[in-house]
Amino acid sequence: MWKIDRRILAHFDFFTIILIVPLVFVSGWLIGEIHPSLANKHTVYISVGALVFVFFLLLPVRRLSWMIPLFYWLNIILLTAVEFIGHSRLGAQRWLEIPFVSFTLQPSELMKPAFILMLAYLVSRNPPPAGGYALRDFLKFMFYILLPFFLIAKEPDLGTATVLLMLGMTLLFIVGVKWQIWAVLIATFLLSLPLIYTQLHDYQKKRLSDFVGEKPSYHVQQSIIAIGSGGMIGQSKEDATQTQMRFLPIASSDFIFAYVVERLGFLGALTLIGVYILLVLHLMSIAMWSDDYYIKVVSAGISTLIFIYMSVNIAMTIGFAPVVGVPLPMFSYGGSSFVNFMVLIAILENLLTFRFRDMYDVRGKKSFV
């Protein structure tokens, strides 16, 4: 018989939830102003995310850790299937159509939680020695990092592939790898930049040329105008003409930060960035202080993912980075990214809350703690 032990509250990380809740509510409010028709869909995404959070919070994650490699390889199979039976949109083949229902699946999004969990699984089974991993172990980790990188980059989706690569390398740096390996990698990367550039698609080269050119692309120009018009405290909904008159493209997703500044001003943008910084630092502090490698890798993975998404998205809207389809985490409109973050945060909360073995069995009966 299942029962809930109230001692769960003593180990649950409320601070992370306190920081996420205002992000969700403010984003819903702003998305409703930009596209009222999207408000209901966004509410559905939030509801699904909440249900997914509760499900994974109460799932016996540690006992089911043997399933993590299966989850990872299932996603590899799905990414491989995209090459042969994938559905194309705007020149990119990234989706799989689910038979008998009008629904598509993007395996690259599912790969993100599978990727972090797989690295946590590998590290926990083979903890780093003093001084960090040597070449043999490093190459084993790189196999699991580069395999999804190349499959996603081939779609092509270089933005998501690069995010996964940066995430994997950051997690290895945090866990520990010998410094000689990093020196060789950095030198190899710098020498390979010309070759990497020649392998890019034409639209990817165009984004880079727009970024380094004197005149930014149309999207970035309109974004900068929206940001500049926000002033210190922002404008009313009616006066936020860049967004309301549809000059600002993709205002509810990729360029939602520009609308935040146009609507709430410099102070609103500073507050939003401050919430993200607190969230990133809090999650990273959990990773740094934990001796549990599952908690360390998952917490550091979420922190790194939020930081990459936030910094790239904001830099993109102000012209400091090429335009790529990277959302503002748990803020931009879109269900797959939000649900993925809810899955990862729920798993972290589960690992923190149920980290003591005696909490899985109380007086011989199954329990949530």
Protein backbone atom coordinates (compact mmCIF):
# COMPACT_ATOMS: atom_id res chain seq x y z
CA MET A 1 0.00 0.00 0.00
CA TRP A 2 1.38 3.40 -1.01
CA LYS A 3 1.50 6.25 1.44
CA ILE A 4 3.11 9.67 1.61
CA ASP A 5 5.56 10.42 4.39
CA ARG A 6 5.60 14.11 5.31
CA ARG A 7 9.35 13.97 5.85
CA ILE A 8 9.62 14.38 2.10
CA LEU A 9 9.33 18.15 2.68
CA ALA A 10 12.59 18.18 4.65
CA HIS A 11 14.66 17.19 1.60
CA PHE A 12 12.67 18.75 -1.24
CA ASP A 13 14.47 21.69 -2.92
CA PHE A 14 11.83 24.43 -2.71
CA PHE A 15 14.19 27.23 -3.77
CA THR A 16 14.44 25.92 -7.34
CA ILE A 17 10.63 25.81 -7.63
CA ILE A 18 10.31 29.31 -6.13
CA LEU A 19 12.58 30.63 -8.89
CA ILE A 20 10.82 28.74 -11.69
CA VAL A 21 7.22 29.67 -10.84
CA PRO A 22 7.53 33.41 -11.66
CA LEU A 23 9.25 32.54 -14.96
CA VAL A 24 6.29 30.37 -15.94
CA PHE A 25 3.58 32.86 -14.94
CA VAL A 26 5.26 35.95 -16.43
CA SER A 27 5.94 34.13 -19.70
CA GLY A 28 2.29 33.02 -19.89
CA TRP A 29 1.13 36.60 -19.34
CA LEU A 30 3.43 38.03 -22.02
CA ILE A 31 2.69 35.28 -24.54
CA GLY A 32 -1.01 36.01 -24.05
CA GLU A 33 -0.35 39.66 -24.92
CA ILE A 34 1.67 38.81 -28.02
CA HIS A 35 -0.62 36.08 -29.41
CA PRO A 36 -3.86 35.56 -27.45
CA SER A 37 -4.53 32.47 -29.57
CA LEU A 38 -1.35 30.86 -28.22
CA ALA A 39 -2.27 31.47 -24.57
CA ASN A 40 -4.50 28.39 -24.33
CA LYS A 41 -1.87 26.16 -25.96
CA HIS A 42 0.76 27.53 -23.59
CA THR A 43 -1.51 26.74 -20.64
CA VAL A 44 -1.80 23.17 -21.92
CA TYR A 45 1.99 22.91 -22.14
CA ILE A 46 2.32 24.15 -18.56
CA SER A 47 -0.31 21.67 -17.37
CA VAL A 48 1.43 18.80 -19.13
CA GLY A 49 4.75 19.94 -17.66
CA ALA A 50 3.25 19.98 -14.16
CA LEU A 51 1.85 16.46 -14.56
CA VAL A 52 5.16 15.20 -15.92
CA PHE A 53 6.94 16.84 -12.98
CA VAL A 54 4.75 15.03 -10.43
CA PHE A 55 5.15 11.71 -12.27
CA PHE A 56 8.95 11.81 -12.34
CA LEU A 57 9.15 13.21 -8.80
CA LEU A 58 7.36 10.11 -7.46
CA LEU A 59 9.11 7.63 -9.75
CA PRO A 60 11.78 5.44 -8.05
CA VAL A 61 14.52 6.87 -10.28
CA ARG A 62 17.49 5.20 -8.58
CA ARG A 63 15.86 1.78 -8.69
CA LEU A 64 15.14 2.25 -12.39
CA SER A 65 18.62 3.52 -13.25
CA TRP A 66 19.26 0.32 -15.22
CA MET A 67 16.80 1.69 -17.81
CA ILE A 68 18.88 4.79 -18.54
CA PRO A 69 21.06 3.11 -21.24
CA LEU A 70 17.87 1.77 -22.85
CA PHE A 71 16.41 5.29 -22.88
CA TYR A 72 19.61 6.67 -24.41
CA TRP A 73 19.85 4.04 -27.16
CA LEU A 74 16.15 4.35 -27.95
CA ASN A 75 16.74 8.03 -28.65
CA ILE A 76 19.76 7.17 -30.80
CA ILE A 77 17.50 4.86 -32.83
CA LEU A 78 14.93 7.64 -33.21
CA LEU A 79 17.63 10.11 -34.32
CA THR A 80 18.83 7.55 -36.87
CA ALA A 81 15.27 7.02 -38.09
CA VAL A 82 14.98 10.75 -38.82
CA GLU A 83 17.55 10.28 -41.60
CA PHE A 84 15.34 7.73 -43.40
CA ILE A 85 11.71 8.50 -42.53
CA GLY A 86 11.94 11.96 -41.02
CA HIS A 87 9.46 14.75 -41.77
CA SER A 88 10.95 17.92 -43.31
CA ARG A 89 10.08 21.51 -42.49
CA LEU A 90 11.77 24.59 -43.93
CA GLY A 91 14.60 22.49 -45.35
CA ALA A 92 15.37 20.64 -42.11
CA GLN A 93 14.55 16.98 -41.50
CA ARG A 94 14.12 16.83 -37.73
CA TRP A 95 10.71 15.31 -37.01
CA LEU A 96 9.09 11.88 -36.98
CA GLU A 97 5.40 11.54 -37.76
CA ILE A 98 3.44 9.38 -35.33
CA PRO A 99 1.04 7.14 -37.29
CA PHE A 100 -2.75 7.61 -37.03
CA VAL A 101 -2.51 10.92 -35.13
CA SER A 102 -1.64 14.37 -36.40
CA PHE A 103 1.40 14.68 -34.18
CA THR A 104 5.13 14.88 -34.81
CA LEU A 105 8.01 14.00 -32.51
CA GLN A 106 11.38 15.76 -32.44
CA PRO A 107 13.93 13.20 -31.18
CA SER A 108 16.64 15.84 -30.67
CA GLU A 109 14.53 17.33 -27.86
CA LEU A 110 14.05 13.94 -26.18
CA MET A 111 17.79 13.40 -26.42
CA LYS A 112 18.57 16.18 -23.93
CA PRO A 113 17.33 14.44 -20.75
CA ALA A 114 18.56 11.08 -22.08
CA PHE A 115 21.99 12.63 -22.70
CA ILE A 116 22.36 14.05 -19.18
CA LEU A 117 21.06 10.89 -17.52
CA MET A 118 23.40 8.70 -19.57
CA LEU A 119 26.44 10.74 -18.51
CA ALA A 120 25.25 10.59 -14.88
CA TYR A 121 24.87 6.81 -15.21
CA LEU A 122 28.37 6.39 -16.70
CA VAL A 123 30.05 8.63 -14.12
CA SER A 124 28.28 6.96 -11.19
CA ARG A 125 29.41 3.52 -12.39
CA ASN A 126 32.98 4.71 -12.99
CA PRO A 127 33.80 7.65 -10.68
CA PRO A 128 36.80 9.80 -11.66
CA PRO A 129 40.14 8.94 -10.03
CA ALA A 130 42.31 11.56 -8.32
CA GLY A 131 43.49 13.99 -10.96
CA GLY A 132 40.59 13.26 -13.30
CA TYR A 133 39.83 10.80 -16.08
CA ALA A 134 42.68 9.67 -18.31
CA LEU A 135 42.50 9.32 -22.10
CA ARG A 136 40.83 5.89 -22.20
CA ASP A 137 37.89 6.88 -20.03
CA PHE A 138 37.67 10.27 -21.72
CA LEU A 139 37.32 8.63 -25.16
CA LYS A 140 34.55 6.40 -23.82
CA PHE A 141 32.60 9.45 -22.65
CA MET A 142 33.27 11.23 -25.95
CA PHE A 143 31.70 8.35 -27.85
CA TYR A 144 28.41 8.90 -26.00
CA ILE A 145 28.70 12.68 -26.52
CA LEU A 146 29.69 12.74 -30.21
CA LEU A 147 27.22 10.08 -31.39
CA PRO A 148 24.09 12.22 -30.85
CA PHE A 149 26.07 15.35 -31.84
CA PHE A 150 26.73 14.06 -35.36
CA LEU A 151 23.23 12.60 -35.79
CA ILE A 152 21.57 15.91 -34.82
CA ALA A 153 24.03 18.05 -36.79
CA LYS A 154 23.24 16.00 -39.90
CA GLU A 155 19.51 16.87 -39.77
CA PRO A 156 20.72 19.73 -39.91
CA ASP A 157 20.26 21.22 -36.45
CA LEU A 158 23.68 22.59 -35.60
CA GLY A 159 22.29 24.73 -32.77
CA THR A 160 20.94 21.79 -30.74
CA ALA A 161 23.96 19.64 -31.63
CA THR A 162 26.35 22.35 -30.42
CA VAL A 163 24.37 22.78 -27.19
CA LEU A 164 24.71 19.04 -26.48
CA LEU A 165 28.44 19.13 -27.24
CA MET A 166 29.00 22.13 -24.96
CA LEU A 167 26.88 20.49 -22.27
CA GLY A 168 28.82 17.23 -22.42
CA MET A 169 32.21 18.94 -22.35
CA THR A 170 31.17 21.14 -19.42
CA LEU A 171 29.98 18.14 -17.42
CA LEU A 172 33.26 16.32 -18.05
CA PHE A 173 35.16 19.44 -16.93
CA ILE A 174 33.13 19.60 -13.71
CA VAL A 175 33.51 15.88 -12.97
CA GLY A 176 37.25 15.96 -13.76
CA VAL A 177 39.50 15.21 -16.76
CA LYS A 178 43.29 15.50 -16.89
CA TRP A 179 44.37 18.99 -18.00
CA GLN A 180 46.62 17.67 -20.78
CA ILE A 181 43.55 16.37 -22.59
CA TRP A 182 41.88 19.79 -22.47
CA ALA A 183 45.02 21.46 -23.84
CA VAL A 184 45.10 19.11 -26.83
CA LEU A 185 41.37 19.55 -27.46
CA ILE A 186 41.52 23.35 -27.42
CA ALA A 187 44.49 23.41 -29.81
CA THR A 188 42.80 20.92 -32.16
CA PHE A 189 39.55 22.92 -32.16
CA LEU A 190 41.29 26.20 -33.01
CA LEU A 191 43.26 24.62 -35.85
CA SER A 192 40.12 22.97 -37.22
CA LEU A 193 37.96 26.13 -37.40
CA PRO A 194 38.57 26.73 -41.16
CA LEU A 195 37.61 23.13 -41.94
CA ILE A 196 34.52 23.34 -39.73
CA TYR A 197 33.40 26.48 -41.58
CA THR A 198 33.62 24.77 -44.98
CA GLN A 199 31.27 22.02 -43.77
CA LEU A 200 28.49 24.44 -42.80
CA HIS A 201 25.30 24.76 -44.84
CA ASP A 202 24.71 27.96 -46.82
CA TYR A 203 22.06 29.29 -44.40
CA GLN A 204 24.43 28.68 -41.47
CA LYS A 205 27.21 30.62 -43.25
CA LYS A 206 24.65 33.38 -43.92
CA ARG A 207 23.88 33.63 -40.20
CA LEU A 208 27.57 33.96 -39.41
CA SER A 209 28.10 36.59 -42.12
CA ASP A 210 25.10 38.57 -40.81
CA PHE A 211 26.58 38.35 -37.32
CA VAL A 212 30.04 39.62 -38.26
CA GLY A 213 28.79 42.08 -40.90
CA GLU A 214 28.32 45.79 -40.31
CA LYS A 215 24.54 45.58 -40.69
CA PRO A 216 22.66 42.97 -38.61
CA SER A 217 19.87 40.85 -40.06
CA TYR A 218 16.27 42.11 -40.18
CA HIS A 219 15.31 40.01 -37.15
CA VAL A 220 18.09 41.45 -35.02
CA GLN A 221 17.43 45.02 -36.22
CA GLN A 222 13.79 44.83 -35.11
CA SER A 223 14.83 43.19 -31.85
CA ILE A 224 17.29 45.98 -31.04
CA ILE A 225 14.64 48.61 -31.85
CA ALA A 226 12.19 46.88 -29.48
CA ILE A 227 14.82 46.73 -26.73
CA GLY A 228 15.76 50.38 -27.20
CA SER A 229 12.13 51.53 -27.06
CA GLY A 230 11.57 49.89 -23.68
CA GLY A 231 13.54 52.49 -21.73
CA MET A 232 13.99 52.06 -17.99
CA ILE A 233 10.54 50.84 -16.95
CA GLY A 234 8.99 49.70 -20.24
CA GLN A 235 5.86 50.67 -22.12
CA SER A 236 2.20 49.77 -21.93
CA LYS A 237 0.90 46.96 -24.11
CA GLU A 238 -0.64 49.44 -26.56
CA ASP A 239 2.58 51.45 -26.88
CA ALA A 240 4.78 48.38 -27.43
CA THR A 241 4.37 48.85 -31.18
CA GLN A 242 7.35 46.75 -32.31
CA THR A 243 5.57 43.65 -31.07
CA GLN A 244 1.90 44.60 -31.33
CA MET A 245 2.30 45.77 -34.95
CA ARG A 246 4.24 42.57 -35.79
CA PHE A 247 7.53 44.26 -36.65
CA LEU A 248 9.35 41.99 -34.19
CA PRO A 249 9.42 38.45 -35.66
CA ILE A 250 9.00 35.29 -33.58
CA ALA A 251 8.22 37.50 -30.59
CA SER A 252 6.65 34.71 -28.52
CA SER A 253 9.59 32.30 -28.78
CA ASP A 254 13.07 33.11 -30.10
CA PHE A 255 12.82 36.88 -29.55
CA ILE A 256 10.63 36.98 -26.46
CA PHE A 257 13.43 38.65 -24.47
CA ALA A 258 13.12 41.69 -26.76
CA TYR A 259 9.43 41.94 -25.85
CA VAL A 260 10.30 41.62 -22.16
CA VAL A 261 12.49 44.72 -22.46
CA GLU A 262 9.98 46.58 -24.63
CA ARG A 263 7.19 45.84 -22.18
CA LEU A 264 8.99 45.86 -18.80
CA GLY A 265 12.06 47.98 -19.57
CA PHE A 266 15.64 47.67 -18.42
CA LEU A 267 14.58 46.97 -14.82
CA GLY A 268 12.31 44.11 -15.91
CA ALA A 269 15.04 42.59 -18.06
CA LEU A 270 17.54 42.93 -15.22
CA THR A 271 15.13 41.18 -12.85
CA LEU A 272 14.60 38.33 -15.33
CA ILE A 273 18.35 37.87 -15.82
CA GLY A 274 18.79 37.98 -12.04
CA VAL A 275 16.31 35.14 -11.57
CA TYR A 276 18.15 33.04 -14.14
CA ILE A 277 21.53 33.76 -12.52
CA LEU A 278 20.19 32.76 -9.09
CA LEU A 279 18.78 29.55 -10.58
CA VAL A 280 22.03 28.69 -12.38
CA LEU A 281 24.19 29.38 -9.32
CA HIS A 282 21.86 27.50 -6.97
CA LEU A 283 21.83 24.39 -9.16
CA MET A 284 25.58 24.55 -9.67
CA SER A 285 26.12 24.87 -5.93
CA ILE A 286 24.14 21.65 -5.42
CA ALA A 287 26.42 19.96 -7.94
CA MET A 288 29.61 21.28 -6.34
CA TRP A 289 28.70 20.25 -2.79
CA SER A 290 27.19 16.85 -3.54
CA ASP A 291 29.21 13.64 -3.30
CA ASP A 292 26.45 11.74 -5.12
CA TYR A 293 27.44 11.59 -8.81
CA TYR A 294 23.84 11.27 -10.00
CA ILE A 295 22.95 14.49 -8.20
CA LYS A 296 26.21 16.17 -9.25
CA VAL A 297 25.85 15.44 -12.98
CA VAL A 298 22.09 16.03 -13.25
CA SER A 299 22.21 19.28 -11.27
CA ALA A 300 25.25 20.57 -13.16
CA GLY A 301 23.63 19.49 -16.43
CA ILE A 302 20.44 21.46 -15.78
CA SER A 303 22.44 24.47 -14.60
CA THR A 304 24.66 24.39 -17.69
CA LEU A 305 21.70 23.89 -20.05
CA ILE A 306 19.83 26.86 -18.56
CA PHE A 307 22.95 29.03 -18.74
CA ILE A 308 23.68 28.13 -22.38
CA TYR A 309 20.09 28.68 -23.49
CA MET A 310 19.73 31.93 -21.56
CA SER A 311 23.04 33.47 -22.62
CA VAL A 312 22.75 32.46 -26.30
CA ASN A 313 19.11 33.60 -26.57
CA ILE A 314 19.75 36.99 -24.95
CA ALA A 315 23.00 37.54 -26.88
CA MET A 316 21.16 36.67 -30.09
CA THR A 317 18.42 39.25 -29.50
CA ILE A 318 20.92 42.07 -28.96
CA GLY A 319 23.17 41.11 -31.89
CA PHE A 320 26.02 39.57 -29.88
CA ALA A 321 25.50 36.03 -31.25
CA PRO A 322 24.28 34.50 -34.52
CA VAL A 323 20.53 33.90 -34.80
CA VAL A 324 19.81 30.29 -33.86
CA GLY A 325 16.65 28.58 -32.69
CA VAL A 326 17.53 28.51 -28.99
CA PRO A 327 14.59 29.35 -26.68
CA LEU A 328 14.70 31.28 -23.44
CA PRO A 329 14.42 28.36 -20.95
CA MET A 330 10.97 27.88 -19.39
CA PHE A 331 9.95 31.26 -20.81
CA SER A 332 9.68 31.05 -24.60
CA TYR A 333 6.53 29.59 -26.14
CA GLY A 334 6.86 25.89 -26.94
CA GLY A 335 6.00 22.63 -25.26
CA SER A 336 8.92 20.29 -25.93
CA SER A 337 11.59 22.48 -24.32
CA PHE A 338 9.43 23.26 -21.27
CA VAL A 339 8.44 19.64 -20.69
CA ASN A 340 12.08 18.54 -21.02
CA PHE A 341 13.14 20.97 -18.31
CA MET A 342 10.28 19.78 -16.08
CA VAL A 343 11.45 16.18 -16.54
CA LEU A 344 15.05 17.05 -15.62
CA ILE A 345 14.09 19.21 -12.63
CA ALA A 346 11.69 16.54 -11.36
CA ILE A 347 14.43 13.90 -11.62
CA LEU A 348 16.82 16.15 -9.69
CA GLU A 349 14.17 16.76 -7.01
CA ASN A 350 13.62 13.02 -6.83
CA LEU A 351 17.34 12.34 -6.40
CA LEU A 352 17.57 14.98 -3.67
CA THR A 353 14.38 14.04 -1.85
CA PHE A 354 14.91 10.28 -1.83
CA ARG A 355 18.68 10.25 -1.57
CA PHE A 356 18.67 8.26 1.67
CA ARG A 357 18.12 4.54 1.23
CA ASP A 358 15.98 4.11 4.31
CA MET A 359 13.41 6.43 2.76
CA TYR A 360 12.40 3.85 0.19
CA ASP A 361 11.12 1.38 2.75
CA VAL A 362 9.39 2.31 5.98
CA ARG A 363 8.51 -0.55 8.35
CA GLY A 364 8.50 -3.00 5.46
CA LYS A 365 5.92 -1.07 3.45
CA LYS A 366 6.34 0.77 0.19
CA SER A 367 6.44 4.52 0.64
CA PHE A 368 7.19 7.68 -1.27
CA VAL A 369 9.99 8.40 1.21
